[in-house]
Amino acid sequence: MNDNACKVYSDAFFSLCCEEDESGLKDRLEELTELGKIFSENPEFAKLMATPTVPLEEKLSFIGDIAKAGGVSSLTENLLCVLTEKGRMSCFGGIVKRFRELYNDKFKLAEITVTTSSPLSEEMKNNIAQKMSKVIGKTVTINERLDKTIIGGIIIDYGSRRYDGSVKARLNELSKELGSVIA
């Protein structure tokens, strides 16, 4: 996958969607996300689309069938056709990721991943979202992840930042401090 190609296609598609129907951006994001899930769950489709012996007309027919069956917008169907014609379907996952980033930037949204050892209550999720909104300056949505190995506490990931308040991290720090005192 070529990151630069993903960026170029995604930026162009996002701009086109803004020009054509800015109110439909959320729908385009949902379509791309769902198609991304379907494509990742069916790796044989990606192999088929990359097979040079399958005629382009047949590949485009598959795209048309997918679009019709899924009720995909003409904008998204056209993107899939262009990617197919240019042999860039392998960029699709990167395009979805970049489109989501552009969407989040436009509407001042942030997605954070919160890792805990047990599920969070709705009240805790709301508290975390409110506090992180103040820190980030954007409306926050939470992707929850469970990891029993952190023992307790919480880890918050946002972009390249990590706020680690887990018991495991604290124990590791204590172990380092004790190791330096004993050594």
Protein backbone atom coordinates (compact mmCIF):
# COMPACT_ATOMS: atom_id res chain seq x y z
CA MET A 1 0.00 0.00 0.00
CA ASN A 2 1.34 3.40 -0.99
CA ASP A 3 0.61 5.95 1.78
CA ASN A 4 1.03 8.87 -0.59
CA ALA A 5 -1.48 7.40 -3.04
CA CYS A 6 -3.93 6.77 -0.19
CA LYS A 7 -3.61 10.39 0.89
CA VAL A 8 -4.07 11.76 -2.65
CA TYR A 9 -7.16 9.65 -3.35
CA SER A 10 -8.68 10.28 0.06
CA ASP A 11 -8.06 14.04 -0.03
CA ALA A 12 -9.56 14.28 -3.52
CA PHE A 13 -12.58 12.16 -2.55
CA PHE A 14 -13.16 14.20 0.62
CA SER A 15 -13.00 17.46 -1.36
CA LEU A 16 -15.41 16.09 -3.93
CA CYS A 17 -17.84 14.97 -1.23
CA CYS A 18 -17.67 18.43 0.38
CA GLU A 19 -18.42 20.09 -2.97
CA GLU A 20 -21.20 17.71 -3.96
CA ASP A 21 -23.03 17.24 -0.66
CA GLU A 22 -21.32 18.33 2.55
CA SER A 23 -24.34 17.22 4.58
CA GLY A 24 -23.71 13.68 3.32
CA LEU A 25 -20.14 13.43 4.66
CA LYS A 26 -21.23 11.30 7.60
CA ASP A 27 -23.03 8.92 5.24
CA ARG A 28 -19.91 8.65 3.04
CA LEU A 29 -17.79 7.91 6.11
CA GLU A 30 -20.22 5.19 7.20
CA GLU A 31 -20.21 3.68 3.69
CA LEU A 32 -16.43 3.65 3.53
CA THR A 33 -16.19 2.14 7.02
CA GLU A 34 -18.66 -0.64 6.22
CA LEU A 35 -17.00 -1.40 2.89
CA GLY A 36 -13.63 -1.47 4.64
CA LYS A 37 -14.95 -4.06 7.09
CA ILE A 38 -16.40 -6.16 4.29
CA PHE A 39 -13.18 -6.01 2.25
CA SER A 40 -11.00 -6.90 5.25
CA GLU A 41 -13.28 -9.82 6.17
CA ASN A 42 -13.05 -11.11 2.57
CA PRO A 43 -9.35 -11.08 1.60
CA GLU A 44 -10.12 -13.21 -1.45
CA PHE A 45 -11.91 -10.18 -2.92
CA ALA A 46 -8.72 -8.12 -2.72
CA LYS A 47 -6.81 -10.95 -4.40
CA LEU A 48 -9.43 -11.11 -7.15
CA MET A 49 -9.25 -7.35 -7.73
CA ALA A 50 -5.45 -7.54 -7.95
CA THR A 51 -5.43 -10.48 -10.36
CA PRO A 52 -4.26 -9.24 -13.76
CA THR A 53 -5.98 -12.10 -15.63
CA VAL A 54 -9.44 -10.95 -14.53
CA PRO A 55 -10.68 -8.47 -17.14
CA LEU A 56 -11.30 -4.88 -16.00
CA GLU A 57 -14.93 -5.07 -17.19
CA GLU A 58 -15.53 -8.03 -14.88
CA LYS A 59 -13.93 -6.21 -11.93
CA LEU A 60 -16.07 -3.14 -12.58
CA SER A 61 -19.12 -5.38 -12.78
CA PHE A 62 -18.27 -6.76 -9.31
CA ILE A 63 -18.01 -3.19 -8.00
CA GLY A 64 -21.39 -2.34 -9.53
CA ASP A 65 -22.96 -5.41 -7.92
CA ILE A 66 -21.47 -4.53 -4.53
CA ALA A 67 -22.68 -0.94 -4.80
CA LYS A 68 -26.18 -1.98 -5.82
CA ALA A 69 -26.49 -4.67 -3.12
CA GLY A 70 -25.16 -2.35 -0.41
CA GLY A 71 -27.08 0.75 -1.45
CA VAL A 72 -23.78 2.59 -1.88
CA SER A 73 -23.88 6.19 -3.12
CA SER A 74 -22.78 7.00 -6.65
CA LEU A 75 -19.85 9.01 -5.24
CA THR A 76 -18.50 6.01 -3.35
CA GLU A 77 -19.19 3.68 -6.27
CA ASN A 78 -17.24 6.02 -8.55
CA LEU A 79 -14.33 6.01 -6.09
CA LEU A 80 -14.31 2.20 -6.13
CA CYS A 81 -14.38 2.20 -9.94
CA VAL A 82 -11.47 4.64 -10.18
CA LEU A 83 -9.45 2.59 -7.68
CA THR A 84 -10.21 -0.54 -9.69
CA GLU A 85 -9.29 1.07 -13.02
CA LYS A 86 -6.01 2.41 -11.62
CA GLY A 87 -5.14 -0.84 -9.81
CA ARG A 88 -5.26 0.90 -6.42
CA MET A 89 -7.85 -1.12 -4.49
CA SER A 90 -5.06 -2.02 -2.05
CA CYS A 91 -5.21 1.64 -0.95
CA PHE A 92 -8.80 1.37 0.25
CA GLY A 93 -8.01 0.83 3.95
CA GLY A 94 -5.67 3.82 3.98
CA ILE A 95 -8.27 5.94 2.19
CA VAL A 96 -10.87 5.10 4.84
CA LYS A 97 -8.44 5.99 7.63
CA ARG A 98 -7.48 9.32 6.05
CA PHE A 99 -11.11 10.18 5.22
CA ARG A 100 -12.00 9.63 8.89
CA GLU A 101 -9.14 11.95 9.94
CA LEU A 102 -10.34 14.65 7.53
CA TYR A 103 -13.92 14.24 8.74
CA ASN A 104 -12.87 14.45 12.39
CA ASP A 105 -10.75 17.54 11.72
CA LYS A 106 -13.56 19.27 9.84
CA PHE A 107 -16.10 18.70 12.61
CA LYS A 108 -13.62 19.01 15.52
CA LEU A 109 -14.07 15.42 16.64
CA ALA A 110 -11.54 13.18 18.34
CA GLU A 111 -11.55 9.43 18.75
CA ILE A 112 -9.71 8.08 21.76
CA THR A 113 -9.07 4.52 22.82
CA VAL A 114 -9.59 3.79 26.49
CA THR A 115 -8.07 0.55 27.76
CA THR A 116 -9.18 -0.87 31.10
CA SER A 117 -9.13 -4.25 32.79
CA SER A 118 -12.93 -4.29 33.14
CA PRO A 119 -15.79 -2.57 31.27
CA LEU A 120 -16.46 1.10 32.00
CA SER A 121 -19.83 2.32 33.22
CA GLU A 122 -21.65 4.91 31.12
CA GLU A 123 -20.97 7.47 33.83
CA MET A 124 -17.21 6.79 33.67
CA LYS A 125 -17.26 7.01 29.86
CA ASN A 126 -19.03 10.36 30.05
CA ASN A 127 -16.58 11.67 32.66
CA ILE A 128 -13.58 10.58 30.59
CA ALA A 129 -15.08 12.07 27.42
CA GLN A 130 -15.74 15.40 29.15
CA LYS A 131 -12.25 15.63 30.67
CA MET A 132 -10.51 14.64 27.45
CA SER A 133 -12.66 17.11 25.48
CA LYS A 134 -11.23 19.88 27.68
CA VAL A 135 -7.67 18.62 27.17
CA ILE A 136 -7.97 18.10 23.40
CA GLY A 137 -10.40 20.89 22.60
CA LYS A 138 -12.62 18.63 20.50
CA THR A 139 -15.74 16.52 21.00
CA VAL A 140 -14.53 13.08 22.07
CA THR A 141 -15.85 9.63 21.22
CA ILE A 142 -14.49 6.62 23.06
CA ASN A 143 -13.42 3.27 21.64
CA GLU A 144 -13.29 0.95 24.62
CA ARG A 145 -10.72 -1.85 24.82
CA LEU A 146 -10.39 -4.48 27.55
CA ASP A 147 -7.00 -5.81 28.61
CA LYS A 148 -6.79 -7.87 31.81
CA THR A 149 -2.98 -7.64 31.81
CA ILE A 150 -3.02 -3.99 32.91
CA ILE A 151 -4.41 -5.25 36.24
CA GLY A 152 -6.33 -2.01 36.95
CA GLY A 153 -6.36 1.69 36.19
CA ILE A 154 -6.72 3.17 32.75
CA ILE A 155 -4.74 3.83 29.55
CA ILE A 156 -5.92 6.54 27.16
CA ASP A 157 -4.55 6.69 23.61
CA TYR A 158 -5.14 9.70 21.39
CA GLY A 159 -3.18 9.95 18.18
CA SER A 160 0.47 9.46 19.11
CA ARG A 161 -0.13 10.37 22.77
CA ARG A 162 -0.60 7.92 25.60
CA TYR A 163 -1.78 8.63 29.12
CA ASP A 164 -0.91 5.52 31.12
CA GLY A 165 -2.43 5.33 34.57
CA SER A 166 -2.50 1.55 34.73
CA VAL A 167 -1.42 -0.50 37.72
CA LYS A 168 0.91 -2.44 35.43
CA ALA A 169 2.75 0.78 34.45
CA ARG A 170 3.02 1.83 38.08
CA LEU A 171 4.41 -1.57 39.08
CA ASN A 172 6.97 -1.37 36.25
CA GLU A 173 8.08 2.07 37.46
CA LEU A 174 8.35 0.81 41.03
CA SER A 175 10.36 -2.17 39.85
CA LYS A 176 12.80 0.15 38.01
CA GLU A 177 13.17 2.38 41.07
CA LEU A 178 13.78 -0.59 43.35
CA GLY A 179 16.21 -2.06 40.82
CA SER A 180 18.26 1.14 40.79
CA VAL A 181 18.32 1.35 44.60
CA ILE A 182 19.37 -2.28 45.01
CA ALA A 183 21.94 -2.26 42.20
